[in-house]
Amino acid sequence: MPKGKTHDHIAVLSIIPTFCFGLIFFKDISLASLLTLATILTAFYLGPDIDTASSSYYRWGLLRWIWIPYRRIIAHRSILSHSFILGPLIKLIYLSFILVLLLFILFNLLDIDNYKLTLCSL
């Protein structure tokens, strides 16, 4: 398995092929650029080594605490963290869950009536 810096190099090297693929597939420069940006952000912030004390983990700065439960649940280099499709998908689902949970807490703490959430509405 490659080290963290290798993952970063692969991400940088994938910029041009990803953009070209997006341009051929979407036939739109804006969508191709969006695909490339999403790919790079995912590679740097949701990399396969986020479950260790790696550069992708530390890139989250003060927000890296949200990855502590993930690091305890998902074993490093397992198929759940390092597979090409399943790894990023699980990270996005986890991140979405954390975001919904934080918004639920924030809206209820601020007592926002128009946006008050209940667990049943989720």
PDB file of N, CA and C in Angstrom:
ATOM      1  N   MET A   1       0.832  -1.179   0.000  1.00  0.00           N
ATOM      2  CA  MET A   1       0.000   0.000   0.000  1.00  0.00           C
ATOM      3  C   MET A   1       0.882   1.249   0.000  1.00  0.00           C
ATOM      4  N   PRO A   2       0.492   2.265  -0.776  1.00  0.00           N
ATOM      5  CA  PRO A   2       1.283   3.485  -0.800  1.00  0.00           C
ATOM      6  C   PRO A   2       1.123   4.292   0.483  1.00  0.00           C
ATOM      7  N   LYS A   3       2.102   5.137   0.744  1.00  0.00           N
ATOM      8  CA  LYS A   3       2.063   6.005   1.912  1.00  0.00           C
ATOM      9  C   LYS A   3       1.212   7.236   1.602  1.00  0.00           C
ATOM     10  N   GLY A   4       0.951   8.062   2.624  1.00  0.00           N
ATOM     11  CA  GLY A   4       0.091   9.234   2.478  1.00  0.00           C
ATOM     12  C   GLY A   4       0.536  10.197   1.397  1.00  0.00           C
ATOM     13  N   LYS A   5       1.841  10.441   1.314  1.00  0.00           N
ATOM     14  CA  LYS A   5       2.339  11.363   0.289  1.00  0.00           C
ATOM     15  C   LYS A   5       2.100  10.802  -1.111  1.00  0.00           C
ATOM     16  N   THR A   6       2.135   9.499  -1.243  1.00  0.00           N
ATOM     17  CA  THR A   6       1.860   8.875  -2.537  1.00  0.00           C
ATOM     18  C   THR A   6       0.408   9.109  -2.926  1.00  0.00           C
ATOM     19  N   HIS A   7      -0.506   9.010  -1.944  1.00  0.00           N
ATOM     20  CA  HIS A   7      -1.913   9.304  -2.220  1.00  0.00           C
ATOM     21  C   HIS A   7      -2.065  10.744  -2.727  1.00  0.00           C
ATOM     22  N   ASP A   8      -1.337  11.673  -2.106  1.00  0.00           N
ATOM     23  CA  ASP A   8      -1.397  13.076  -2.526  1.00  0.00           C
ATOM     24  C   ASP A   8      -0.844  13.260  -3.936  1.00  0.00           C
ATOM     25  N   HIS A   9       0.259  12.581  -4.251  1.00  0.00           N
ATOM     26  CA  HIS A   9       0.836  12.685  -5.589  1.00  0.00           C
ATOM     27  C   HIS A   9      -0.116  12.122  -6.643  1.00  0.00           C
ATOM     28  N   ILE A  10      -0.751  11.018  -6.322  1.00  0.00           N
ATOM     29  CA  ILE A  10      -1.718  10.425  -7.250  1.00  0.00           C
ATOM     30  C   ILE A  10      -2.877  11.394  -7.485  1.00  0.00           C
ATOM     31  N   ALA A  11      -3.317  12.063  -6.427  1.00  0.00           N
ATOM     32  CA  ALA A  11      -4.407  13.032  -6.556  1.00  0.00           C
ATOM     33  C   ALA A  11      -4.014  14.175  -7.484  1.00  0.00           C
ATOM     34  N   VAL A  12      -2.797  14.690  -7.314  1.00  0.00           N
ATOM     35  CA  VAL A  12      -2.335  15.783  -8.167  1.00  0.00           C
ATOM     36  C   VAL A  12      -2.188  15.311  -9.614  1.00  0.00           C
ATOM     37  N   LEU A  13      -1.654  14.115  -9.792  1.00  0.00           N
ATOM     38  CA  LEU A  13      -1.496  13.590 -11.150  1.00  0.00           C
ATOM     39  C   LEU A  13      -2.838  13.285 -11.826  1.00  0.00           C
ATOM     40  N   SER A  14      -3.881  13.142 -11.041  1.00  0.00           N
ATOM     41  CA  SER A  14      -5.190  12.821 -11.619  1.00  0.00           C
ATOM     42  C   SER A  14      -5.961  14.053 -12.076  1.00  0.00           C
ATOM     43  N   ILE A  15      -5.442  15.254 -11.850  1.00  0.00           N
ATOM     44  CA  ILE A  15      -6.172  16.472 -12.196  1.00  0.00           C
ATOM     45  C   ILE A  15      -6.483  16.534 -13.692  1.00  0.00           C
ATOM     46  N   ILE A  16      -5.472  16.409 -14.522  1.00  0.00           N
ATOM     47  CA  ILE A  16      -5.683  16.537 -15.974  1.00  0.00           C
ATOM     48  C   ILE A  16      -6.539  15.401 -16.524  1.00  0.00           C
ATOM     49  N   PRO A  17      -6.260  14.125 -16.200  1.00  0.00           N
ATOM     50  CA  PRO A  17      -7.139  13.063 -16.705  1.00  0.00           C
ATOM     51  C   PRO A  17      -8.593  13.203 -16.227  1.00  0.00           C
ATOM     52  N   THR A  18      -8.782  13.632 -14.973  1.00  0.00           N
ATOM     53  CA  THR A  18     -10.139  13.808 -14.467  1.00  0.00           C
ATOM     54  C   THR A  18     -10.854  14.918 -15.219  1.00  0.00           C
ATOM     55  N   PHE A  19     -10.159  16.027 -15.450  1.00  0.00           N
ATOM     56  CA  PHE A  19     -10.760  17.127 -16.198  1.00  0.00           C
ATOM     57  C   PHE A  19     -11.106  16.698 -17.622  1.00  0.00           C
ATOM     58  N   CYS A  20     -10.191  15.990 -18.278  1.00  0.00           N
ATOM     59  CA  CYS A  20     -10.449  15.521 -19.650  1.00  0.00           C
ATOM     60  C   CYS A  20     -11.631  14.564 -19.687  1.00  0.00           C
ATOM     61  N   PHE A  21     -11.696  13.642 -18.735  1.00  0.00           N
ATOM     62  CA  PHE A  21     -12.827  12.728 -18.663  1.00  0.00           C
ATOM     63  C   PHE A  21     -14.129  13.514 -18.483  1.00  0.00           C
ATOM     64  N   GLY A  22     -14.123  14.487 -17.568  1.00  0.00           N
ATOM     65  CA  GLY A  22     -15.312  15.297 -17.323  1.00  0.00           C
ATOM     66  C   GLY A  22     -15.731  16.080 -18.551  1.00  0.00           C
ATOM     67  N   LEU A  23     -14.762  16.591 -19.283  1.00  0.00           N
ATOM     68  CA  LEU A  23     -15.054  17.349 -20.493  1.00  0.00           C
ATOM     69  C   LEU A  23     -15.659  16.450 -21.570  1.00  0.00           C
ATOM     70  N   ILE A  24     -15.124  15.252 -21.722  1.00  0.00           N
ATOM     71  CA  ILE A  24     -15.657  14.304 -22.714  1.00  0.00           C
ATOM     72  C   ILE A  24     -17.033  13.803 -22.288  1.00  0.00           C
ATOM     73  N   PHE A  25     -17.192  13.479 -21.016  1.00  0.00           N
ATOM     74  CA  PHE A  25     -18.449  12.908 -20.523  1.00  0.00           C
ATOM     75  C   PHE A  25     -19.565  13.948 -20.468  1.00  0.00           C
ATOM     76  N   PHE A  26     -19.276  15.132 -19.894  1.00  0.00           N
ATOM     77  CA  PHE A  26     -20.310  16.150 -19.715  1.00  0.00           C
ATOM     78  C   PHE A  26     -20.415  17.127 -20.880  1.00  0.00           C
ATOM     79  N   LYS A  27     -19.329  17.263 -21.641  1.00  0.00           N
ATOM     80  CA  LYS A  27     -19.257  18.227 -22.733  1.00  0.00           C
ATOM     81  C   LYS A  27     -19.564  19.648 -22.254  1.00  0.00           C
ATOM     82  N   ASP A  28     -19.099  19.941 -21.039  1.00  0.00           N
ATOM     83  CA  ASP A  28     -19.321  21.247 -20.415  1.00  0.00           C
ATOM     84  C   ASP A  28     -18.121  21.538 -19.517  1.00  0.00           C
ATOM     85  N   ILE A  29     -17.475  22.664 -19.755  1.00  0.00           N
ATOM     86  CA  ILE A  29     -16.265  22.990 -19.005  1.00  0.00           C
ATOM     87  C   ILE A  29     -16.569  23.238 -17.524  1.00  0.00           C
ATOM     88  N   SER A  30     -17.742  23.785 -17.227  1.00  0.00           N
ATOM     89  CA  SER A  30     -18.096  24.040 -15.824  1.00  0.00           C
ATOM     90  C   SER A  30     -18.263  22.740 -15.050  1.00  0.00           C
ATOM     91  N   LEU A  31     -18.954  21.783 -15.624  1.00  0.00           N
ATOM     92  CA  LEU A  31     -19.148  20.499 -14.957  1.00  0.00           C
ATOM     93  C   LEU A  31     -17.842  19.711 -14.862  1.00  0.00           C
ATOM     94  N   ALA A  32     -17.018  19.812 -15.892  1.00  0.00           N
ATOM     95  CA  ALA A  32     -15.714  19.147 -15.849  1.00  0.00           C
ATOM     96  C   ALA A  32     -14.851  19.749 -14.743  1.00  0.00           C
ATOM     97  N   SER A  33     -14.906  21.068 -14.595  1.00  0.00           N
ATOM     98  CA  SER A  33     -14.150  21.734 -13.531  1.00  0.00           C
ATOM     99  C   SER A  33     -14.685  21.344 -12.159  1.00  0.00           C
ATOM    100  N   LEU A  34     -15.999  21.269 -12.026  1.00  0.00           N
ATOM    101  CA  LEU A  34     -16.606  20.866 -10.759  1.00  0.00           C
ATOM    102  C   LEU A  34     -16.227  19.440 -10.389  1.00  0.00           C
ATOM    103  N   LEU A  35     -16.252  18.539 -11.362  1.00  0.00           N
ATOM    104  CA  LEU A  35     -15.832  17.158 -11.124  1.00  0.00           C
ATOM    105  C   LEU A  35     -14.379  17.106 -10.660  1.00  0.00           C
ATOM    106  N   THR A  36     -13.514  17.866 -11.312  1.00  0.00           N
ATOM    107  CA  THR A  36     -12.091  17.884 -10.956  1.00  0.00           C
ATOM    108  C   THR A  36     -11.896  18.440  -9.549  1.00  0.00           C
ATOM    109  N   LEU A  37     -12.586  19.529  -9.224  1.00  0.00           N
ATOM    110  CA  LEU A  37     -12.479  20.112  -7.892  1.00  0.00           C
ATOM    111  C   LEU A  37     -12.975  19.134  -6.822  1.00  0.00           C
ATOM    112  N   ALA A  38     -14.100  18.487  -7.084  1.00  0.00           N
ATOM    113  CA  ALA A  38     -14.639  17.510  -6.130  1.00  0.00           C
ATOM    114  C   ALA A  38     -13.677  16.344  -5.935  1.00  0.00           C
ATOM    115  N   THR A  39     -13.061  15.903  -7.005  1.00  0.00           N
ATOM    116  CA  THR A  39     -12.107  14.799  -6.928  1.00  0.00           C
ATOM    117  C   THR A  39     -10.893  15.185  -6.086  1.00  0.00           C
ATOM    118  N   ILE A  40     -10.368  16.378  -6.312  1.00  0.00           N
ATOM    119  CA  ILE A  40      -9.188  16.830  -5.571  1.00  0.00           C
ATOM    120  C   ILE A  40      -9.520  17.044  -4.094  1.00  0.00           C
ATOM    121  N   LEU A  41     -10.646  17.701  -3.804  1.00  0.00           N
ATOM    122  CA  LEU A  41     -11.030  17.918  -2.407  1.00  0.00           C
ATOM    123  C   LEU A  41     -11.265  16.593  -1.689  1.00  0.00           C
ATOM    124  N   THR A  42     -11.902  15.662  -2.379  1.00  0.00           N
ATOM    125  CA  THR A  42     -12.133  14.345  -1.790  1.00  0.00           C
ATOM    126  C   THR A  42     -10.808  13.635  -1.526  1.00  0.00           C
ATOM    127  N   ALA A  43      -9.888  13.733  -2.470  1.00  0.00           N
ATOM    128  CA  ALA A  43      -8.590  13.061  -2.306  1.00  0.00           C
ATOM    129  C   ALA A  43      -7.803  13.642  -1.135  1.00  0.00           C
ATOM    130  N   PHE A  44      -7.833  14.961  -0.976  1.00  0.00           N
ATOM    131  CA  PHE A  44      -7.034  15.584   0.077  1.00  0.00           C
ATOM    132  C   PHE A  44      -7.707  15.568   1.446  1.00  0.00           C
ATOM    133  N   TYR A  45      -9.035  15.660   1.480  1.00  0.00           N
ATOM    134  CA  TYR A  45      -9.720  15.744   2.769  1.00  0.00           C
ATOM    135  C   TYR A  45     -10.414  14.463   3.188  1.00  0.00           C
ATOM    136  N   LEU A  46     -10.666  13.568   2.263  1.00  0.00           N
ATOM    137  CA  LEU A  46     -11.312  12.291   2.591  1.00  0.00           C
ATOM    138  C   LEU A  46     -10.465  11.127   2.120  1.00  0.00           C
ATOM    139  N   GLY A  47      -9.170  11.290   2.177  1.00  0.00           N
ATOM    140  CA  GLY A  47      -8.245  10.268   1.702  1.00  0.00           C
ATOM    141  C   GLY A  47      -8.352   8.974   2.489  1.00  0.00           C
ATOM    142  N   PRO A  48      -7.789   7.910   1.952  1.00  0.00           N
ATOM    143  CA  PRO A  48      -7.897   6.607   2.592  1.00  0.00           C
ATOM    144  C   PRO A  48      -7.192   6.509   3.940  1.00  0.00           C
ATOM    145  N   ASP A  49      -6.316   7.453   4.248  1.00  0.00           N
ATOM    146  CA  ASP A  49      -5.586   7.397   5.516  1.00  0.00           C
ATOM    147  C   ASP A  49      -6.170   8.312   6.584  1.00  0.00           C
ATOM    148  N   ILE A  50      -7.403   8.755   6.409  1.00  0.00           N
ATOM    149  CA  ILE A  50      -8.020   9.646   7.397  1.00  0.00           C
ATOM    150  C   ILE A  50      -8.264   8.930   8.720  1.00  0.00           C
ATOM    151  N   ASP A  51      -8.198   7.618   8.690  1.00  0.00           N
ATOM    152  CA  ASP A  51      -8.394   6.842   9.912  1.00  0.00           C
ATOM    153  C   ASP A  51      -7.093   6.653  10.693  1.00  0.00           C
ATOM    154  N   THR A  52      -6.045   7.366  10.312  1.00  0.00           N
ATOM    155  CA  THR A  52      -4.780   7.367  11.047  1.00  0.00           C
ATOM    156  C   THR A  52      -4.363   8.822  11.272  1.00  0.00           C
ATOM    157  N   ALA A  53      -3.277   9.020  11.995  1.00  0.00           N
ATOM    158  CA  ALA A  53      -2.744  10.377  12.197  1.00  0.00           C
ATOM    159  C   ALA A  53      -1.969  10.771  10.944  1.00  0.00           C
ATOM    160  N   SER A  54      -2.698  11.048   9.877  1.00  0.00           N
ATOM    161  CA  SER A  54      -2.097  11.320   8.577  1.00  0.00           C
ATOM    162  C   SER A  54      -2.305  12.778   8.178  1.00  0.00           C
ATOM    163  N   SER A  55      -1.732  13.147   7.035  1.00  0.00           N
ATOM    164  CA  SER A  55      -1.885  14.523   6.562  1.00  0.00           C
ATOM    165  C   SER A  55      -3.345  14.834   6.237  1.00  0.00           C
ATOM    166  N   SER A  56      -4.100  13.873   5.686  1.00  0.00           N
ATOM    167  CA  SER A  56      -5.511  14.150   5.395  1.00  0.00           C
ATOM    168  C   SER A  56      -6.309  14.342   6.683  1.00  0.00           C
ATOM    169  N   TYR A  57      -5.928  13.663   7.746  1.00  0.00           N
ATOM    170  CA  TYR A  57      -6.580  13.845   9.047  1.00  0.00           C
ATOM    171  C   TYR A  57      -6.258  15.231   9.608  1.00  0.00           C
ATOM    172  N   TYR A  58      -4.988  15.641   9.546  1.00  0.00           N
ATOM    173  CA  TYR A  58      -4.585  16.926  10.108  1.00  0.00           C
ATOM    174  C   TYR A  58      -5.027  18.111   9.257  1.00  0.00           C
ATOM    175  N   ARG A  59      -5.355  17.893   7.988  1.00  0.00           N
ATOM    176  CA  ARG A  59      -5.866  18.979   7.151  1.00  0.00           C
ATOM    177  C   ARG A  59      -7.202  19.516   7.650  1.00  0.00           C
ATOM    178  N   TRP A  60      -7.907  18.727   8.425  1.00  0.00           N
ATOM    179  CA  TRP A  60      -9.195  19.155   8.966  1.00  0.00           C
ATOM    180  C   TRP A  60      -9.038  20.173  10.087  1.00  0.00           C
ATOM    181  N   GLY A  61      -7.815  20.389  10.556  1.00  0.00           N
ATOM    182  CA  GLY A  61      -7.563  21.404  11.575  1.00  0.00           C
ATOM    183  C   GLY A  61      -8.374  21.176  12.833  1.00  0.00           C
ATOM    184  N   LEU A  62      -9.054  22.221  13.292  1.00  0.00           N
ATOM    185  CA  LEU A  62      -9.836  22.139  14.524  1.00  0.00           C
ATOM    186  C   LEU A  62     -11.041  21.212  14.394  1.00  0.00           C
ATOM    187  N   LEU A  63     -11.441  20.899  13.186  1.00  0.00           N
ATOM    188  CA  LEU A  63     -12.601  20.018  12.979  1.00  0.00           C
ATOM    189  C   LEU A  63     -12.231  18.536  12.914  1.00  0.00           C
ATOM    190  N   ARG A  64     -10.973  18.215  13.092  1.00  0.00           N
ATOM    191  CA  ARG A  64     -10.576  16.810  12.955  1.00  0.00           C
ATOM    192  C   ARG A  64     -11.181  15.911  14.024  1.00  0.00           C
ATOM    193  N   TRP A  65     -11.694  16.483  15.095  1.00  0.00           N
ATOM    194  CA  TRP A  65     -12.327  15.687  16.150  1.00  0.00           C
ATOM    195  C   TRP A  65     -13.536  14.907  15.620  1.00  0.00           C
ATOM    196  N   ILE A  66     -14.140  15.391  14.531  1.00  0.00           N
ATOM    197  CA  ILE A  66     -15.317  14.667  14.009  1.00  0.00           C
ATOM    198  C   ILE A  66     -14.938  13.300  13.439  1.00  0.00           C
ATOM    199  N   TRP A  67     -13.656  13.084  13.174  1.00  0.00           N
ATOM    200  CA  TRP A  67     -13.218  11.815  12.603  1.00  0.00           C
ATOM    201  C   TRP A  67     -12.812  10.792  13.665  1.00  0.00           C
ATOM    202  N   ILE A  68     -12.826  11.175  14.935  1.00  0.00           N
ATOM    203  CA  ILE A  68     -12.416  10.244  15.986  1.00  0.00           C
ATOM    204  C   ILE A  68     -13.319   9.008  16.029  1.00  0.00           C
ATOM    205  N   PRO A  69     -14.660   9.145  16.001  1.00  0.00           N
ATOM    206  CA  PRO A  69     -15.492   7.918  15.978  1.00  0.00           C
ATOM    207  C   PRO A  69     -15.229   7.055  14.744  1.00  0.00           C
ATOM    208  N   TYR A  70     -15.048   7.692  13.602  1.00  0.00           N
ATOM    209  CA  TYR A  70     -14.754   6.942  12.370  1.00  0.00           C
ATOM    210  C   TYR A  70     -13.467   6.146  12.529  1.00  0.00           C
ATOM    211  N   ARG A  71     -12.448   6.774  13.110  1.00  0.00           N
ATOM    212  CA  ARG A  71     -11.157   6.109  13.288  1.00  0.00           C
ATOM    213  C   ARG A  71     -11.268   4.900  14.210  1.00  0.00           C
ATOM    214  N   ARG A  72     -12.196   4.960  15.156  1.00  0.00           N
ATOM    215  CA  ARG A  72     -12.368   3.841  16.088  1.00  0.00           C
ATOM    216  C   ARG A  72     -13.220   2.731  15.496  1.00  0.00           C
ATOM    217  N   ILE A  73     -14.106   3.075  14.561  1.00  0.00           N
ATOM    218  CA  ILE A  73     -15.029   2.092  13.992  1.00  0.00           C
ATOM    219  C   ILE A  73     -14.412   1.359  12.799  1.00  0.00           C
ATOM    220  N   ILE A  74     -13.748   2.102  11.926  1.00  0.00           N
ATOM    221  CA  ILE A  74     -13.224   1.536  10.676  1.00  0.00           C
ATOM    222  C   ILE A  74     -11.740   1.196  10.845  1.00  0.00           C
ATOM    223  N   ALA A  75     -11.396  -0.048  10.613  1.00  0.00           N
ATOM    224  CA  ALA A  75      -9.998  -0.477  10.715  1.00  0.00           C
ATOM    225  C   ALA A  75      -9.191   0.075   9.544  1.00  0.00           C
ATOM    226  N   HIS A  76      -7.966   0.501   9.839  1.00  0.00           N
ATOM    227  CA  HIS A  76      -7.099   1.035   8.792  1.00  0.00           C
ATOM    228  C   HIS A  76      -6.744  -0.055   7.780  1.00  0.00           C
ATOM    229  N   ARG A  77      -6.738   0.348   6.526  1.00  0.00           N
ATOM    230  CA  ARG A  77      -6.449  -0.524   5.384  1.00  0.00           C
ATOM    231  C   ARG A  77      -7.457  -1.662   5.209  1.00  0.00           C
ATOM    232  N   SER A  78      -8.621  -1.502   5.794  1.00  0.00           N
ATOM    233  CA  SER A  78      -9.663  -2.494   5.543  1.00  0.00           C
ATOM    234  C   SER A  78     -10.345  -2.153   4.216  1.00  0.00           C
ATOM    235  N   ILE A  79     -11.174  -3.045   3.744  1.00  0.00           N
ATOM    236  CA  ILE A  79     -11.889  -2.794   2.501  1.00  0.00           C
ATOM    237  C   ILE A  79     -12.844  -1.610   2.660  1.00  0.00           C
ATOM    238  N   LEU A  80     -13.256  -1.333   3.892  1.00  0.00           N
ATOM    239  CA  LEU A  80     -14.161  -0.210   4.137  1.00  0.00           C
ATOM    240  C   LEU A  80     -13.461   1.140   4.051  1.00  0.00           C
ATOM    241  N   SER A  81     -12.157   1.176   4.236  1.00  0.00           N
ATOM    242  CA  SER A  81     -11.450   2.453   4.170  1.00  0.00           C
ATOM    243  C   SER A  81     -10.611   2.616   2.909  1.00  0.00           C
ATOM    244  N   HIS A  82     -10.180   1.521   2.306  1.00  0.00           N
ATOM    245  CA  HIS A  82      -9.243   1.627   1.189  1.00  0.00           C
ATOM    246  C   HIS A  82      -9.783   1.167  -0.162  1.00  0.00           C
ATOM    247  N   SER A  83     -11.024   0.749  -0.225  1.00  0.00           N
ATOM    248  CA  SER A  83     -11.533   0.356  -1.543  1.00  0.00           C
ATOM    249  C   SER A  83     -11.852   1.608  -2.364  1.00  0.00           C
ATOM    250  N   PHE A  84     -11.795   1.461  -3.655  1.00  0.00           N
ATOM    251  CA  PHE A  84     -11.893   2.604  -4.571  1.00  0.00           C
ATOM    252  C   PHE A  84     -13.256   3.292  -4.502  1.00  0.00           C
ATOM    253  N   ILE A  85     -14.329   2.540  -4.424  1.00  0.00           N
ATOM    254  CA  ILE A  85     -15.683   3.108  -4.394  1.00  0.00           C
ATOM    255  C   ILE A  85     -16.232   3.128  -2.974  1.00  0.00           C
ATOM    256  N   LEU A  86     -16.122   2.034  -2.266  1.00  0.00           N
ATOM    257  CA  LEU A  86     -16.729   1.899  -0.947  1.00  0.00           C
ATOM    258  C   LEU A  86     -16.101   2.840   0.084  1.00  0.00           C
ATOM    259  N   GLY A  87     -14.788   3.038   0.036  1.00  0.00           N
ATOM    260  CA  GLY A  87     -14.106   3.906   0.992  1.00  0.00           C
ATOM    261  C   GLY A  87     -14.634   5.338   0.981  1.00  0.00           C
ATOM    262  N   PRO A  88     -14.585   6.022  -0.177  1.00  0.00           N
ATOM    263  CA  PRO A  88     -15.113   7.391  -0.218  1.00  0.00           C
ATOM    264  C   PRO A  88     -16.619   7.464   0.071  1.00  0.00           C
ATOM    265  N   LEU A  89     -17.359   6.462  -0.368  1.00  0.00           N
ATOM    266  CA  LEU A  89     -18.799   6.458  -0.136  1.00  0.00           C
ATOM    267  C   LEU A  89     -19.107   6.391   1.362  1.00  0.00           C
ATOM    268  N   ILE A  90     -18.421   5.529   2.086  1.00  0.00           N
ATOM    269  CA  ILE A  90     -18.633   5.416   3.532  1.00  0.00           C
ATOM    270  C   ILE A  90     -18.231   6.714   4.227  1.00  0.00           C
ATOM    271  N   LYS A  91     -17.137   7.326   3.780  1.00  0.00           N
ATOM    272  CA  LYS A  91     -16.716   8.593   4.385  1.00  0.00           C
ATOM    273  C   LYS A  91     -17.738   9.695   4.139  1.00  0.00           C
ATOM    274  N   LEU A  92     -18.302   9.748   2.939  1.00  0.00           N
ATOM    275  CA  LEU A  92     -19.324  10.760   2.640  1.00  0.00           C
ATOM    276  C   LEU A  92     -20.597  10.521   3.440  1.00  0.00           C
ATOM    277  N   ILE A  93     -20.988   9.273   3.597  1.00  0.00           N
ATOM    278  CA  ILE A  93     -22.168   8.949   4.417  1.00  0.00           C
ATOM    279  C   ILE A  93     -21.909   9.340   5.867  1.00  0.00           C
ATOM    280  N   TYR A  94     -20.733   9.006   6.377  1.00  0.00           N
ATOM    281  CA  TYR A  94     -20.368   9.355   7.749  1.00  0.00           C
ATOM    282  C   TYR A  94     -20.377  10.882   7.928  1.00  0.00           C
ATOM    283  N   LEU A  95     -19.754  11.588   7.003  1.00  0.00           N
ATOM    284  CA  LEU A  95     -19.683  13.047   7.089  1.00  0.00           C
ATOM    285  C   LEU A  95     -21.080  13.669   7.003  1.00  0.00           C
ATOM    286  N   SER A  96     -21.937  13.112   6.156  1.00  0.00           N
ATOM    287  CA  SER A  96     -23.316  13.599   6.052  1.00  0.00           C
ATOM    288  C   SER A  96     -24.066  13.384   7.357  1.00  0.00           C
ATOM    289  N   PHE A  97     -23.880  12.232   7.971  1.00  0.00           N
ATOM    290  CA  PHE A  97     -24.515  11.946   9.257  1.00  0.00           C
ATOM    291  C   PHE A  97     -24.069  12.946  10.317  1.00  0.00           C
ATOM    292  N   ILE A  98     -22.769  13.222  10.383  1.00  0.00           N
ATOM    293  CA  ILE A  98     -22.235  14.180  11.355  1.00  0.00           C
ATOM    294  C   ILE A  98     -22.807  15.566  11.095  1.00  0.00           C
ATOM    295  N   LEU A  99     -22.887  15.967   9.832  1.00  0.00           N
ATOM    296  CA  LEU A  99     -23.425  17.281   9.486  1.00  0.00           C
ATOM    297  C   LEU A  99     -24.893  17.404   9.904  1.00  0.00           C
ATOM    298  N   VAL A 100     -25.693  16.395   9.616  1.00  0.00           N
ATOM    299  CA  VAL A 100     -27.104  16.408  10.018  1.00  0.00           C
ATOM    300  C   VAL A 100     -27.227  16.453  11.533  1.00  0.00           C
ATOM    301  N   LEU A 101     -26.418  15.682  12.219  1.00  0.00           N
ATOM    302  CA  LEU A 101     -26.443  15.674  13.679  1.00  0.00           C
ATOM    303  C   LEU A 101     -26.074  17.051  14.249  1.00  0.00           C
ATOM    304  N   LEU A 102     -25.027  17.671  13.719  1.00  0.00           N
ATOM    305  CA  LEU A 102     -24.624  18.996  14.185  1.00  0.00           C
ATOM    306  C   LEU A 102     -25.687  20.050  13.885  1.00  0.00           C
ATOM    307  N   LEU A 103     -26.310  19.986  12.708  1.00  0.00           N
ATOM    308  CA  LEU A 103     -27.389  20.920  12.382  1.00  0.00           C
ATOM    309  C   LEU A 103     -28.593  20.711  13.288  1.00  0.00           C
ATOM    310  N   PHE A 104     -28.914  19.469  13.577  1.00  0.00           N
ATOM    311  CA  PHE A 104     -30.007  19.159  14.494  1.00  0.00           C
ATOM    312  C   PHE A 104     -29.746  19.786  15.861  1.00  0.00           C
ATOM    313  N   ILE A 105     -28.553  19.615  16.361  1.00  0.00           N
ATOM    314  CA  ILE A 105     -28.194  20.173  17.674  1.00  0.00           C
ATOM    315  C   ILE A 105     -28.210  21.704  17.630  1.00  0.00           C
ATOM    316  N   LEU A 106     -27.619  22.283  16.589  1.00  0.00           N
ATOM    317  CA  LEU A 106     -27.554  23.735  16.459  1.00  0.00           C
ATOM    318  C   LEU A 106     -28.948  24.350  16.374  1.00  0.00           C
ATOM    319  N   PHE A 107     -29.819  23.817  15.512  1.00  0.00           N
ATOM    320  CA  PHE A 107     -31.165  24.369  15.354  1.00  0.00           C
ATOM    321  C   PHE A 107     -31.974  24.257  16.635  1.00  0.00           C
ATOM    322  N   ASN A 108     -31.811  23.170  17.350  1.00  0.00           N
ATOM    323  CA  ASN A 108     -32.550  23.012  18.592  1.00  0.00           C
ATOM    324  C   ASN A 108     -31.975  23.853  19.725  1.00  0.00           C
ATOM    325  N   LEU A 109     -30.667  24.054  19.755  1.00  0.00           N
ATOM    326  CA  LEU A 109     -30.075  24.924  20.772  1.00  0.00           C
ATOM    327  C   LEU A 109     -30.466  26.383  20.550  1.00  0.00           C
ATOM    328  N   LEU A 110     -30.507  26.795  19.292  1.00  0.00           N
ATOM    329  CA  LEU A 110     -30.875  28.169  18.968  1.00  0.00           C
ATOM    330  C   LEU A 110     -32.384  28.375  18.992  1.00  0.00           C
ATOM    331  N   ASP A 111     -33.113  27.289  19.138  1.00  0.00           N
ATOM    332  CA  ASP A 111     -34.577  27.325  19.195  1.00  0.00           C
ATOM    333  C   ASP A 111     -35.163  28.050  17.980  1.00  0.00           C
ATOM    334  N   ILE A 112     -34.718  27.641  16.822  1.00  0.00           N
ATOM    335  CA  ILE A 112     -35.213  28.215  15.577  1.00  0.00           C
ATOM    336  C   ILE A 112     -36.545  27.542  15.257  1.00  0.00           C
ATOM    337  N   ASP A 113     -37.649  28.309  15.442  1.00  0.00           N
ATOM    338  CA  ASP A 113     -38.986  27.738  15.295  1.00  0.00           C
ATOM    339  C   ASP A 113     -39.281  27.266  13.875  1.00  0.00           C
ATOM    340  N   ASN A 114     -38.912  28.054  12.888  1.00  0.00           N
ATOM    341  CA  ASN A 114     -39.232  27.686  11.510  1.00  0.00           C
ATOM    342  C   ASN A 114     -38.464  26.455  11.047  1.00  0.00           C
ATOM    343  N   TYR A 115     -37.335  26.227  11.659  1.00  0.00           N
ATOM    344  CA  TYR A 115     -36.499  25.110  11.236  1.00  0.00           C
ATOM    345  C   TYR A 115     -36.308  24.068  12.329  1.00  0.00           C
ATOM    346  N   LYS A 116     -37.147  24.135  13.347  1.00  0.00           N
ATOM    347  CA  LYS A 116     -37.010  23.206  14.466  1.00  0.00           C
ATOM    348  C   LYS A 116     -37.146  21.775  13.975  1.00  0.00           C
ATOM    349  N   LEU A 117     -36.205  20.970  14.299  1.00  0.00           N
ATOM    350  CA  LEU A 117     -36.175  19.596  13.836  1.00  0.00           C
ATOM    351  C   LEU A 117     -36.534  18.651  14.965  1.00  0.00           C
ATOM    352  N   THR A 118     -37.157  17.590  14.601  1.00  0.00           N
ATOM    353  CA  THR A 118     -37.364  16.516  15.556  1.00  0.00           C
ATOM    354  C   THR A 118     -36.719  15.268  14.963  1.00  0.00           C
ATOM    355  N   LEU A 119     -36.470  14.316  15.796  1.00  0.00           N
ATOM    356  CA  LEU A 119     -35.860  13.085  15.296  1.00  0.00           C
ATOM    357  C   LEU A 119     -36.787  12.395  14.305  1.00  0.00           C
ATOM    358  N   CYS A 120     -38.084  12.578  14.448  1.00  0.00           N
ATOM    359  CA  CYS A 120     -39.035  11.929  13.529  1.00  0.00           C
ATOM    360  C   CYS A 120     -38.957  12.510  12.137  1.00  0.00           C
ATOM    361  N   SER A 121     -38.583  13.797  12.018  1.00  0.00           N
ATOM    362  CA  SER A 121     -38.524  14.413  10.690  1.00  0.00           C
ATOM    363  C   SER A 121     -37.270  14.032   9.946  1.00  0.00           C
ATOM    364  N   LEU A 122     -36.312  13.436  10.628  1.00  0.00           N
ATOM    365  CA  LEU A 122     -35.078  13.017   9.952  1.00  0.00           C
ATOM    366  C   LEU A 122     -35.353  11.686   9.331  1.00  0.00           C
TER     367      LEU A 122
END
